[in-house]
Amino acid sequence: MDTRILILWITVYLCLFVSSIESKSFFIHSSVVNGKKKIVATEVNSTASSFGNTRPKTAAEQKSGKFEIPLSSADQEWLGSLLYHPNESDIRLRKEYRQLSEKERGDLNVAFNLLKNDTSVSLNKYDLLANIHARSSANANAHQGPNFMGWHRVFLLMMENALRQKVKTVTIPYWDVTLDEAMDKPYSSVIWSPDFIGSGDGVIKKGAFGHWQTQFGYGNLMRFLGGQGKLMSKENVEDILSKSRLGEITNPAAEKKFNIEEIHNDVHVWIGGQMKTIEIAAFDPIFYPLHSFTDCIWTEFREQQKAKGIDPTSDYPEFYGRPTHSPFAPMSLGSVMVIDGISDIWNQYVHYTPRPFCNETYNGCNSLYMKCDISKRKCISKSRSEVEIENQSSKLKKDDEVPTDLVNSGFKNSVSFSKESDSEMLYISNRQLIKRSAVVNYRHFTKLSENSIAAHKVVTITTISDVYQFYSYLTDSHTDLINLLLFLIYLNQFHFKPEHY
């Protein structure tokens, strides 16, 4: 063949090849699987045509067809736009949920709701992405095997990318479950308040996620904390981090004690409601901070691997169980393959703040919503009631003023309040004016139940905790009363004497 004709054919071929990959991006890396080194080139930011449609469905999967909604071209285009990884100009810092500032928490809530209310795609943007976790093919790829960590890392990043389309500074915080597990009553954690993720005792009615509806006929977003399951403990995390290989902490080979997927499953069950069922779990926003935490642990695990001389990007177990967890099986997330999940490409510019820790000499809790339990050498979440009381106290410090005429009349020298007129003065308080103990005639403030009076002949209140305990026995005028008590705790001591009843 004439050399010129050969060159022409090669040129045409190259042109056709280049045009076929135009506007597509790939990352290329090497992986060692079953002792063999392979070069992997994976398309990133695909058209999403393979979301949930990568292989024939089994009979069992066909029965769960309610989640297999057809994806429109708009759906596919939008999902494909989420399948990218950060770069050096887009560094993400994920904090523990309670360490977010009020603005950061507010921005996160706004971004979630903007996605939920964006109906430019099927369902809405939040639910369409959550539905990917429900589809049978993704479900089979994502669970019960070593791809559990990689699949959820990519999926988590897709949700974060979606949120950043609405509020560009948002990152998904991690919920350090161990901070709640260490509480006497984990269900009372501030996490389960309207200011954070919403309530845990049924339908969520208040806060950013109040009255959210779940697709496919599952109704109101709801939770039932602590009915079954259990939270992840500090010891669980230490057990996971004591291992060295991905196969030692994931299905199908890992023992339950070290199995991060199974331990995380218990948390889903403990939360209850939608989170208890795999197919609809991602419709609850708490899904994402929980998976951010498991990813945080895996990030720490991989750093320890590197310190031991193990390359985490080639640490895919030879025994992987299900065919859907085979290294070169599709993830059902665009064109990404299972083996790509252990690449550093997905978390290279995603960083986590250190998990909160404290002891006798160091307090790394770094949040108004946590406290250090020295006896347990742990940071522990504050309860909703503790935060409520502290907020009341903070408001009192900020807002209270004493009129000049009261100060000039000698109010600052009062130590005993037994007359009605004196009692009323206590509503106008300034803790700087009174530094001695006071005996209070409580009758003029509110009505107590007879049982409470009989059980508490003398009540000494010196701390916020004491105020809360006494507050729980009151029947009327709670708002006025709590303002009064919060002022009085700044006195050295006071008593409710039997004769004053």
Protein backbone atom coordinates (compact mmCIF):
# COMPACT_ATOMS: atom_id res chain seq x y z
CA MET A 1 0.00 0.00 0.00
CA ASP A 2 1.24 3.48 -0.84
CA THR A 3 2.69 5.16 2.21
CA ARG A 4 0.66 8.28 1.57
CA ILE A 5 -2.60 6.31 1.49
CA LEU A 6 -1.66 4.57 4.76
CA ILE A 7 -0.94 7.92 6.42
CA LEU A 8 -4.27 9.21 5.13
CA TRP A 9 -6.16 6.27 6.62
CA ILE A 10 -4.39 6.70 9.94
CA THR A 11 -5.21 10.42 9.93
CA VAL A 12 -8.89 9.76 9.21
CA TYR A 13 -9.02 7.13 11.95
CA LEU A 14 -7.44 9.47 14.47
CA CYS A 15 -9.82 12.25 13.54
CA LEU A 16 -12.81 9.96 14.02
CA PHE A 17 -11.43 8.74 17.35
CA VAL A 18 -10.79 12.26 18.63
CA SER A 19 -14.25 13.43 17.57
CA SER A 20 -15.80 10.49 19.39
CA ILE A 21 -14.35 11.59 22.71
CA GLU A 22 -14.75 15.32 22.20
CA SER A 23 -16.24 17.14 25.23
CA LYS A 24 -15.66 14.11 27.45
CA SER A 25 -13.13 13.93 30.28
CA PHE A 26 -11.31 10.83 31.47
CA PHE A 27 -8.98 10.00 34.30
CA ILE A 28 -6.42 7.27 33.80
CA HIS A 29 -4.84 5.30 36.59
CA SER A 30 -3.33 1.91 37.22
CA SER A 31 -4.85 -0.67 39.54
CA VAL A 32 -3.66 -4.01 40.78
CA VAL A 33 -6.43 -6.58 40.83
CA ASN A 34 -5.82 -10.23 41.65
CA GLY A 35 -2.09 -9.62 41.31
CA LYS A 36 -2.34 -8.14 37.80
CA LYS A 37 -1.67 -4.52 36.98
CA LYS A 38 -4.25 -2.94 34.67
CA ILE A 39 -4.59 0.52 33.19
CA VAL A 40 -8.05 1.96 33.74
CA ALA A 41 -9.47 4.90 31.79
CA THR A 42 -12.81 6.05 33.14
CA GLU A 43 -15.10 8.63 31.64
CA VAL A 44 -16.12 11.31 34.12
CA ASN A 45 -19.06 13.70 33.73
CA SER A 46 -20.89 11.29 31.44
CA THR A 47 -24.32 11.78 29.95
CA ALA A 48 -25.73 9.57 32.71
CA SER A 49 -27.34 7.25 30.19
CA SER A 50 -26.26 4.32 32.35
CA PHE A 51 -27.79 5.51 35.63
CA GLY A 52 -29.54 2.39 36.84
CA ASN A 53 -29.66 0.69 33.43
CA THR A 54 -26.41 -1.21 33.10
CA ARG A 55 -27.42 -4.87 33.12
CA PRO A 56 -30.44 -7.20 32.91
CA LYS A 57 -32.53 -7.27 36.09
CA THR A 58 -33.05 -10.38 38.13
CA ALA A 59 -36.57 -11.58 38.92
CA ALA A 60 -36.32 -10.16 42.46
CA GLU A 61 -35.25 -6.79 41.11
CA GLN A 62 -38.10 -6.70 38.63
CA LYS A 63 -40.55 -7.03 41.53
CA SER A 64 -39.23 -3.78 43.02
CA GLY A 65 -39.99 -1.89 39.82
CA LYS A 66 -41.81 1.00 41.55
CA PHE A 67 -38.49 2.83 41.86
CA GLU A 68 -37.46 2.23 38.23
CA ILE A 69 -38.95 5.39 36.82
CA PRO A 70 -37.83 6.17 33.25
CA LEU A 71 -35.24 8.94 33.10
CA SER A 72 -35.95 11.79 30.70
CA SER A 73 -33.20 13.47 28.74
CA ALA A 74 -33.36 16.38 31.23
CA ASP A 75 -32.93 13.90 34.10
CA GLN A 76 -29.96 12.25 32.46
CA GLU A 77 -28.30 15.53 31.56
CA TRP A 78 -28.64 16.88 35.10
CA LEU A 79 -27.44 13.68 36.79
CA GLY A 80 -24.48 13.58 34.43
CA SER A 81 -23.59 17.16 35.39
CA LEU A 82 -23.10 16.02 39.01
CA LEU A 83 -20.58 13.30 38.21
CA TYR A 84 -17.34 15.21 38.63
CA HIS A 85 -14.68 15.44 41.30
CA PRO A 86 -13.27 18.60 42.93
CA ASN A 87 -10.00 20.14 41.82
CA GLU A 88 -7.43 22.34 43.53
CA SER A 89 -9.57 25.43 43.00
CA ASP A 90 -12.59 23.69 44.56
CA ILE A 91 -11.33 22.30 47.88
CA ARG A 92 -14.08 20.99 50.17
CA LEU A 93 -13.82 21.02 53.98
CA ARG A 94 -16.41 18.84 55.70
CA LYS A 95 -16.98 19.65 59.38
CA GLU A 96 -18.77 17.79 62.13
CA TYR A 97 -22.42 18.85 61.94
CA ARG A 98 -22.36 20.61 65.33
CA GLN A 99 -19.24 22.56 64.35
CA LEU A 100 -20.98 24.39 61.51
CA SER A 101 -21.61 28.08 62.09
CA GLU A 102 -25.23 29.23 62.09
CA LYS A 103 -24.72 30.63 58.60
CA GLU A 104 -23.18 27.39 57.31
CA ARG A 105 -26.04 25.38 58.79
CA GLY A 106 -28.58 27.81 57.33
CA ASP A 107 -26.95 27.65 53.90
CA LEU A 108 -27.05 23.84 53.99
CA ASN A 109 -30.76 23.86 54.86
CA VAL A 110 -31.50 26.38 52.11
CA ALA A 111 -29.60 24.30 49.53
CA PHE A 112 -31.48 21.11 50.47
CA ASN A 113 -34.82 22.89 50.17
CA LEU A 114 -33.93 24.57 46.88
CA LEU A 115 -33.17 21.12 45.44
CA LYS A 116 -36.40 19.74 46.90
CA ASN A 117 -38.42 22.53 45.26
CA ASP A 118 -36.65 22.42 41.90
CA THR A 119 -39.08 20.61 39.57
CA SER A 120 -37.12 21.14 36.35
CA VAL A 121 -36.55 17.35 36.34
CA SER A 122 -38.74 14.33 37.13
CA LEU A 123 -39.88 14.15 40.76
CA ASN A 124 -37.65 17.09 41.85
CA LYS A 125 -33.87 17.40 41.94
CA TYR A 126 -33.45 16.18 45.52
CA ASP A 127 -35.74 13.18 45.09
CA LEU A 128 -34.44 12.30 41.63
CA LEU A 129 -30.92 11.94 42.98
CA ALA A 130 -32.16 10.10 46.09
CA ASN A 131 -34.01 7.73 43.77
CA ILE A 132 -30.69 6.57 42.26
CA HIS A 133 -29.99 4.89 45.61
CA ALA A 134 -33.38 3.17 45.38
CA ARG A 135 -33.02 1.72 41.89
CA SER A 136 -32.36 -2.00 41.86
CA SER A 137 -29.13 -1.93 39.86
CA ALA A 138 -27.50 0.74 42.03
CA ASN A 139 -28.75 -1.01 45.14
CA ALA A 140 -27.00 -4.21 44.11
CA ASN A 141 -23.78 -2.33 43.34
CA ALA A 142 -23.81 -0.28 46.52
CA HIS A 143 -24.45 -2.83 49.26
CA GLN A 144 -23.23 -6.14 50.67
CA GLY A 145 -19.74 -5.94 49.24
CA PRO A 146 -16.44 -4.02 49.19
CA ASN A 147 -17.88 -1.46 46.74
CA PHE A 148 -20.08 -0.14 49.59
CA MET A 149 -17.48 2.49 50.48
CA GLY A 150 -16.55 3.55 46.95
CA TRP A 151 -20.13 3.70 45.64
CA HIS A 152 -21.33 5.87 48.52
CA ARG A 153 -18.27 8.12 48.23
CA VAL A 154 -19.19 8.92 44.61
CA PHE A 155 -22.91 9.25 45.42
CA LEU A 156 -22.18 11.55 48.38
CA LEU A 157 -20.07 13.75 46.13
CA MET A 158 -22.89 13.90 43.58
CA MET A 159 -25.30 15.20 46.26
CA GLU A 160 -22.70 17.71 47.43
CA ASN A 161 -22.22 18.89 43.83
CA ALA A 162 -26.00 19.26 43.51
CA LEU A 163 -26.19 21.32 46.71
CA ARG A 164 -23.37 23.54 45.47
CA GLN A 165 -25.33 24.28 42.32
CA LYS A 166 -27.76 26.05 44.68
CA VAL A 167 -25.37 27.47 47.30
CA LYS A 168 -21.81 27.30 46.01
CA THR A 169 -20.07 27.24 49.42
CA VAL A 170 -21.99 24.29 50.89
CA THR A 171 -20.31 21.03 51.89
CA ILE A 172 -22.02 18.06 53.50
CA PRO A 173 -21.06 17.90 57.19
CA TYR A 174 -20.37 14.60 58.88
CA TRP A 175 -22.51 13.45 61.78
CA ASP A 176 -20.16 11.88 64.32
CA VAL A 177 -22.60 9.34 65.69
CA THR A 178 -20.28 8.44 68.58
CA LEU A 179 -20.97 11.84 70.19
CA ASP A 180 -24.62 10.81 70.59
CA GLU A 181 -23.97 7.17 71.45
CA ALA A 182 -22.00 8.32 74.51
CA MET A 183 -25.05 10.20 75.88
CA ASP A 184 -27.35 8.67 78.50
CA LYS A 185 -30.29 9.54 76.25
CA PRO A 186 -29.07 9.76 72.63
CA TYR A 187 -32.56 10.56 71.36
CA SER A 188 -32.39 13.86 73.30
CA SER A 189 -29.37 15.07 71.28
CA VAL A 190 -29.48 18.58 69.84
CA ILE A 191 -29.08 16.93 66.41
CA TRP A 192 -32.79 16.03 66.62
CA SER A 193 -33.99 19.62 66.93
CA PRO A 194 -35.58 22.00 64.40
CA ASP A 195 -32.33 23.99 64.19
CA PHE A 196 -30.50 20.89 62.96
CA ILE A 197 -32.00 17.86 61.20
CA GLY A 198 -35.48 17.85 62.77
CA SER A 199 -37.27 15.70 65.32
CA GLY A 200 -37.00 11.96 65.85
CA ASP A 201 -40.34 11.06 67.43
CA GLY A 202 -42.62 10.69 64.43
CA VAL A 203 -43.52 13.02 61.59
CA ILE A 204 -41.13 15.97 61.28
CA LYS A 205 -43.23 19.11 61.63
CA LYS A 206 -40.74 21.87 62.39
CA GLY A 207 -37.46 23.16 61.04
CA ALA A 208 -35.94 23.06 57.57
CA PHE A 209 -37.34 19.59 56.83
CA GLY A 210 -40.77 20.01 58.40
CA HIS A 211 -43.58 18.43 56.36
CA TRP A 212 -41.23 17.04 53.69
CA GLN A 213 -42.98 14.41 51.58
CA THR A 214 -41.39 11.15 50.39
CA GLN A 215 -42.01 9.91 46.85
CA PHE A 216 -43.62 6.60 45.81
CA GLY A 217 -46.41 6.80 48.39
CA TYR A 218 -44.26 6.78 51.54
CA GLY A 219 -45.82 9.99 52.83
CA ASN A 220 -44.40 12.33 55.46
CA LEU A 221 -40.74 12.24 56.39
CA MET A 222 -40.61 10.61 59.81
CA ARG A 223 -38.28 8.96 62.32
CA PHE A 224 -38.66 6.76 65.40
CA LEU A 225 -35.38 6.96 67.28
CA GLY A 226 -34.11 4.05 69.34
CA GLY A 227 -36.87 1.56 68.59
CA GLN A 228 -34.36 -0.94 67.21
CA GLY A 229 -30.74 -0.98 66.15
CA LYS A 230 -27.96 0.97 67.87
CA LEU A 231 -25.61 3.86 67.31
CA MET A 232 -21.97 3.54 66.35
CA SER A 233 -19.66 3.84 69.36
CA LYS A 234 -16.16 5.19 69.74
CA GLU A 235 -15.06 1.58 70.28
CA ASN A 236 -16.66 0.54 66.96
CA VAL A 237 -14.58 3.15 65.16
CA GLU A 238 -11.41 2.05 66.94
CA ASP A 239 -12.09 -1.57 65.92
CA ILE A 240 -12.48 -0.57 62.27
CA LEU A 241 -9.30 1.48 62.33
CA SER A 242 -7.39 -1.41 63.89
CA LYS A 243 -7.53 -3.26 60.55
CA SER A 244 -5.30 -2.75 57.50
CA ARG A 245 -7.19 -3.98 54.43
CA LEU A 246 -10.48 -2.97 52.79
CA GLY A 247 -11.58 -6.61 52.74
CA GLU A 248 -11.20 -6.75 56.54
CA ILE A 249 -13.79 -4.02 57.12
CA THR A 250 -16.35 -4.76 54.37
CA ASN A 251 -18.62 -7.57 53.22
CA PRO A 252 -18.48 -10.40 52.47
CA ALA A 253 -15.43 -11.37 54.57
CA ALA A 254 -15.31 -8.92 57.50
CA GLU A 255 -16.43 -9.97 60.97
CA LYS A 256 -19.41 -7.95 62.30
CA LYS A 257 -17.18 -6.28 64.90
CA PHE A 258 -15.05 -4.71 62.16
CA ASN A 259 -17.64 -4.45 59.38
CA ILE A 260 -18.30 -0.76 58.66
CA GLU A 261 -21.34 -1.47 56.48
CA GLU A 262 -23.06 -3.65 59.07
CA ILE A 263 -22.26 -1.21 61.91
CA HIS A 264 -23.63 1.64 59.81
CA ASN A 265 -26.77 -0.45 59.07
CA ASP A 266 -27.53 -0.49 62.80
CA VAL A 267 -27.61 3.32 62.77
CA HIS A 268 -30.14 3.34 59.91
CA VAL A 269 -32.36 0.99 61.90
CA TRP A 270 -31.93 3.05 65.11
CA ILE A 271 -33.19 6.17 63.31
CA GLY A 272 -36.20 4.34 61.90
CA GLY A 273 -38.78 5.78 59.51
CA GLN A 274 -37.55 6.08 55.93
CA MET A 275 -33.95 5.48 57.04
CA LYS A 276 -34.83 1.93 58.08
CA THR A 277 -35.47 0.82 54.47
CA ILE A 278 -32.61 0.79 51.95
CA GLU A 279 -34.69 1.85 48.95
CA ILE A 280 -36.05 5.03 50.58
CA ALA A 281 -33.28 5.87 53.07
CA ALA A 282 -31.71 8.55 50.86
CA PHE A 283 -34.97 10.54 50.90
CA ASP A 284 -34.15 11.54 54.50
CA PRO A 285 -31.49 14.31 54.61
CA ILE A 286 -29.79 12.69 57.65
CA PHE A 287 -28.64 9.98 55.20
CA TYR A 288 -25.92 12.28 53.87
CA PRO A 289 -24.26 13.41 57.14
CA LEU A 290 -24.28 9.75 58.24
CA HIS A 291 -22.52 8.64 55.05
CA SER A 292 -20.19 11.61 55.29
CA PHE A 293 -19.15 10.15 58.67
CA THR A 294 -18.52 6.65 57.28
CA ASP A 295 -16.50 8.28 54.50
CA CYS A 296 -14.58 10.27 57.11
CA ILE A 297 -13.67 7.02 58.89
CA TRP A 298 -12.64 5.43 55.58
CA THR A 299 -10.47 8.46 54.79
CA GLU A 300 -8.71 8.00 58.13
CA PHE A 301 -8.41 4.26 57.43
CA ARG A 302 -6.75 4.95 54.07
CA GLU A 303 -4.30 7.40 55.64
CA GLN A 304 -3.32 4.70 58.10
CA GLN A 305 -2.84 2.28 55.19
CA LYS A 306 -0.43 4.71 53.55
CA ALA A 307 1.48 5.08 56.83
CA LYS A 308 1.85 1.26 56.86
CA GLY A 309 3.13 1.20 53.28
CA ILE A 310 -0.15 -0.07 51.78
CA ASP A 311 -1.48 1.61 48.63
CA PRO A 312 -5.25 2.04 49.16
CA THR A 313 -5.78 2.58 45.41
CA SER A 314 -4.78 -1.04 44.74
CA ASP A 315 -6.38 -2.57 47.83
CA TYR A 316 -9.47 -4.11 46.27
CA PRO A 317 -10.09 -7.55 47.81
CA GLU A 318 -9.71 -10.65 45.66
CA PHE A 319 -12.79 -12.17 47.30
CA TYR A 320 -15.59 -9.68 46.58
CA GLY A 321 -18.72 -11.85 46.65
CA ARG A 322 -21.49 -10.58 44.37
CA PRO A 323 -20.68 -10.17 40.66
CA THR A 324 -21.92 -6.58 40.95
CA HIS A 325 -18.88 -5.90 43.19
CA SER A 326 -16.40 -7.24 40.66
CA PRO A 327 -13.61 -4.65 40.17
CA PHE A 328 -14.49 -3.95 36.54
CA ALA A 329 -18.27 -4.07 36.94
CA PRO A 330 -20.14 -0.82 36.27
CA MET A 331 -21.15 1.19 39.35
CA SER A 332 -24.44 2.22 37.75
CA LEU A 333 -23.31 5.81 38.25
CA GLY A 334 -22.65 7.00 34.74
CA SER A 335 -19.65 5.16 33.29
CA VAL A 336 -17.75 4.80 36.57
CA MET A 337 -16.54 1.28 37.39
CA VAL A 338 -16.29 -0.37 40.78
CA ILE A 339 -12.49 -0.22 40.79
CA ASP A 340 -12.66 3.56 40.34
CA GLY A 341 -14.23 3.86 43.77
CA ILE A 342 -10.92 3.21 45.51
CA SER A 343 -9.04 5.77 43.42
CA ASP A 344 -7.83 8.93 45.21
CA ILE A 345 -9.45 11.00 42.47
CA TRP A 346 -12.77 11.29 44.31
CA ASN A 347 -11.41 12.57 47.62
CA GLN A 348 -8.17 14.26 46.61
CA TYR A 349 -9.58 17.71 47.39
CA VAL A 350 -12.14 16.67 49.99
CA HIS A 351 -10.93 17.10 53.57
CA TYR A 352 -12.48 16.38 56.95
CA THR A 353 -11.90 18.33 60.14
CA PRO A 354 -10.52 16.06 62.92
CA ARG A 355 -13.15 14.06 64.76
CA PRO A 356 -13.96 15.82 68.06
CA PHE A 357 -11.82 14.53 70.92
CA CYS A 358 -11.01 15.58 74.47
CA ASN A 359 -9.29 14.38 77.64
CA GLU A 360 -7.91 15.83 80.89
CA THR A 361 -5.48 18.12 79.12
CA TYR A 362 -7.07 18.79 75.71
CA ASN A 363 -10.52 19.93 74.61
CA GLY A 364 -11.07 19.50 70.89
CA CYS A 365 -14.87 19.56 70.99
CA ASN A 366 -14.88 23.06 69.44
CA SER A 367 -18.63 23.58 69.44
CA LEU A 368 -21.32 25.27 71.53
CA TYR A 369 -23.33 22.09 70.99
CA MET A 370 -20.83 19.67 72.56
CA LYS A 371 -19.22 19.22 75.94
CA CYS A 372 -16.22 17.28 77.18
CA ASP A 373 -16.95 14.35 79.49
CA ILE A 374 -13.62 14.02 81.27
CA SER A 375 -14.62 10.76 82.99
CA LYS A 376 -15.18 9.10 79.60
CA ARG A 377 -12.42 11.05 77.80
CA LYS A 378 -14.98 11.84 75.11
CA CYS A 379 -16.73 14.77 73.49
CA ILE A 380 -20.48 14.32 73.95
CA SER A 381 -23.36 16.06 72.25
CA LYS A 382 -25.41 18.42 74.33
CA SER A 383 -29.11 17.70 74.65
CA ARG A 384 -31.86 19.87 73.25
CA SER A 385 -32.86 21.01 76.74
CA GLU A 386 -29.30 21.99 77.66
CA VAL A 387 -29.00 24.12 74.54
CA GLU A 388 -32.44 25.64 75.16
CA ILE A 389 -31.52 26.67 78.69
CA GLU A 390 -28.19 28.09 77.58
CA ASN A 391 -29.88 30.08 74.82
CA GLN A 392 -32.32 31.51 77.35
CA SER A 393 -29.43 32.44 79.63
CA SER A 394 -27.52 34.01 76.76
CA LYS A 395 -30.57 36.05 75.76
CA LEU A 396 -31.00 37.21 79.36
CA LYS A 397 -27.39 38.38 79.56
CA LYS A 398 -27.79 40.30 76.33
CA ASP A 399 -31.21 41.87 76.86
CA ASP A 400 -31.57 42.59 80.59
CA GLU A 401 -31.34 46.20 81.73
CA VAL A 402 -32.26 47.83 85.05
CA PRO A 403 -33.85 51.30 84.94
CA THR A 404 -31.85 54.04 86.67
CA ASP A 405 -34.67 54.91 89.06
CA LEU A 406 -34.63 51.39 90.51
CA VAL A 407 -30.89 51.51 91.06
CA ASN A 408 -31.14 54.91 92.71
CA SER A 409 -33.97 53.71 94.97
CA GLY A 410 -31.65 51.23 96.65
CA PHE A 411 -32.69 48.11 94.71
CA LYS A 412 -29.05 47.08 94.44
CA ASN A 413 -28.85 46.55 98.21
CA SER A 414 -31.88 44.22 98.44
CA VAL A 415 -31.23 40.66 99.58
CA SER A 416 -34.70 39.54 100.71
CA PHE A 417 -37.79 39.56 98.48
CA SER A 418 -40.97 38.71 100.35
CA LYS A 419 -43.42 41.46 99.33
CA GLU A 420 -45.34 41.35 96.11
CA SER A 421 -43.94 44.67 94.92
CA ASP A 422 -40.38 43.51 95.57
CA SER A 423 -41.06 40.23 93.81
CA GLU A 424 -42.23 42.01 90.69
CA MET A 425 -38.94 43.89 90.62
CA LEU A 426 -37.12 40.64 89.98
CA TYR A 427 -38.45 40.59 86.43
CA ILE A 428 -36.25 43.63 85.78
CA SER A 429 -32.87 42.14 86.54
CA ASN A 430 -29.19 42.90 86.31
CA ARG A 431 -26.95 40.28 87.86
CA GLN A 432 -24.21 42.89 88.37
CA LEU A 433 -26.32 44.68 91.01
CA ILE A 434 -26.96 41.77 93.37
CA LYS A 435 -24.18 39.56 94.61
CA ARG A 436 -25.61 38.14 97.84
CA SER A 437 -28.05 35.26 98.44
CA ALA A 438 -31.77 35.88 98.42
CA VAL A 439 -34.78 34.22 100.05
CA VAL A 440 -37.69 34.30 97.61
CA ASN A 441 -41.39 34.23 98.29
CA TYR A 442 -42.41 32.28 95.21
CA ARG A 443 -46.18 32.60 95.69
CA HIS A 444 -46.33 35.87 93.79
CA PHE A 445 -44.93 34.50 90.56
CA THR A 446 -46.88 31.47 89.47
CA LYS A 447 -48.93 28.56 90.65
CA LEU A 448 -47.32 25.29 91.69
CA SER A 449 -49.06 21.93 91.80
CA GLU A 450 -49.68 20.62 95.32
CA ASN A 451 -47.64 17.48 94.59
CA SER A 452 -44.64 19.52 93.54
CA ILE A 453 -44.86 21.65 96.70
CA ALA A 454 -45.08 18.57 98.91
CA ALA A 455 -42.13 16.91 97.25
CA HIS A 456 -39.89 19.98 97.28
CA LYS A 457 -40.11 21.82 100.59
CA VAL A 458 -36.71 23.40 100.01
CA VAL A 459 -35.14 23.87 96.60
CA THR A 460 -31.58 25.08 96.18
CA ILE A 461 -30.68 26.34 92.74
CA THR A 462 -27.09 27.19 91.85
CA THR A 463 -26.63 25.91 88.28
CA ILE A 464 -28.41 25.81 84.93
CA SER A 465 -29.04 22.11 85.49
CA ASP A 466 -30.83 22.86 88.79
CA VAL A 467 -33.03 25.39 87.02
CA TYR A 468 -34.04 22.82 84.42
CA GLN A 469 -34.88 20.22 87.08
CA PHE A 470 -37.14 22.62 88.97
CA TYR A 471 -38.61 23.99 85.75
CA SER A 472 -39.90 20.52 84.87
CA TYR A 473 -42.29 20.65 87.87
CA LEU A 474 -44.02 23.91 86.95
CA THR A 475 -47.58 24.19 85.71
CA ASP A 476 -48.23 27.80 84.64
CA SER A 477 -46.40 30.86 83.34
CA HIS A 478 -43.39 28.88 82.17
CA THR A 479 -41.93 31.66 80.05
CA ASP A 480 -42.01 34.28 82.82
CA LEU A 481 -40.77 31.80 85.36
CA ILE A 482 -37.75 30.67 83.40
CA ASN A 483 -36.68 34.27 82.94
CA LEU A 484 -36.90 34.79 86.68
CA LEU A 485 -34.99 31.62 87.56
CA LEU A 486 -32.25 32.29 85.04
CA PHE A 487 -31.67 35.63 86.72
CA LEU A 488 -31.67 34.17 90.22
CA ILE A 489 -28.99 31.58 89.49
CA TYR A 490 -26.52 34.44 89.27
CA LEU A 491 -27.03 34.97 92.97
CA ASN A 492 -24.77 32.85 95.14
CA GLN A 493 -27.66 30.81 96.52
CA PHE A 494 -31.37 31.03 97.30
CA HIS A 495 -33.99 28.80 98.94
CA PHE A 496 -37.70 28.22 98.65
CA LYS A 497 -38.59 27.81 102.35
CA PRO A 498 -41.62 25.77 103.53
CA GLU A 499 -43.12 28.75 105.37
CA HIS A 500 -43.29 30.73 102.15
CA TYR A 501 -45.75 28.32 100.65
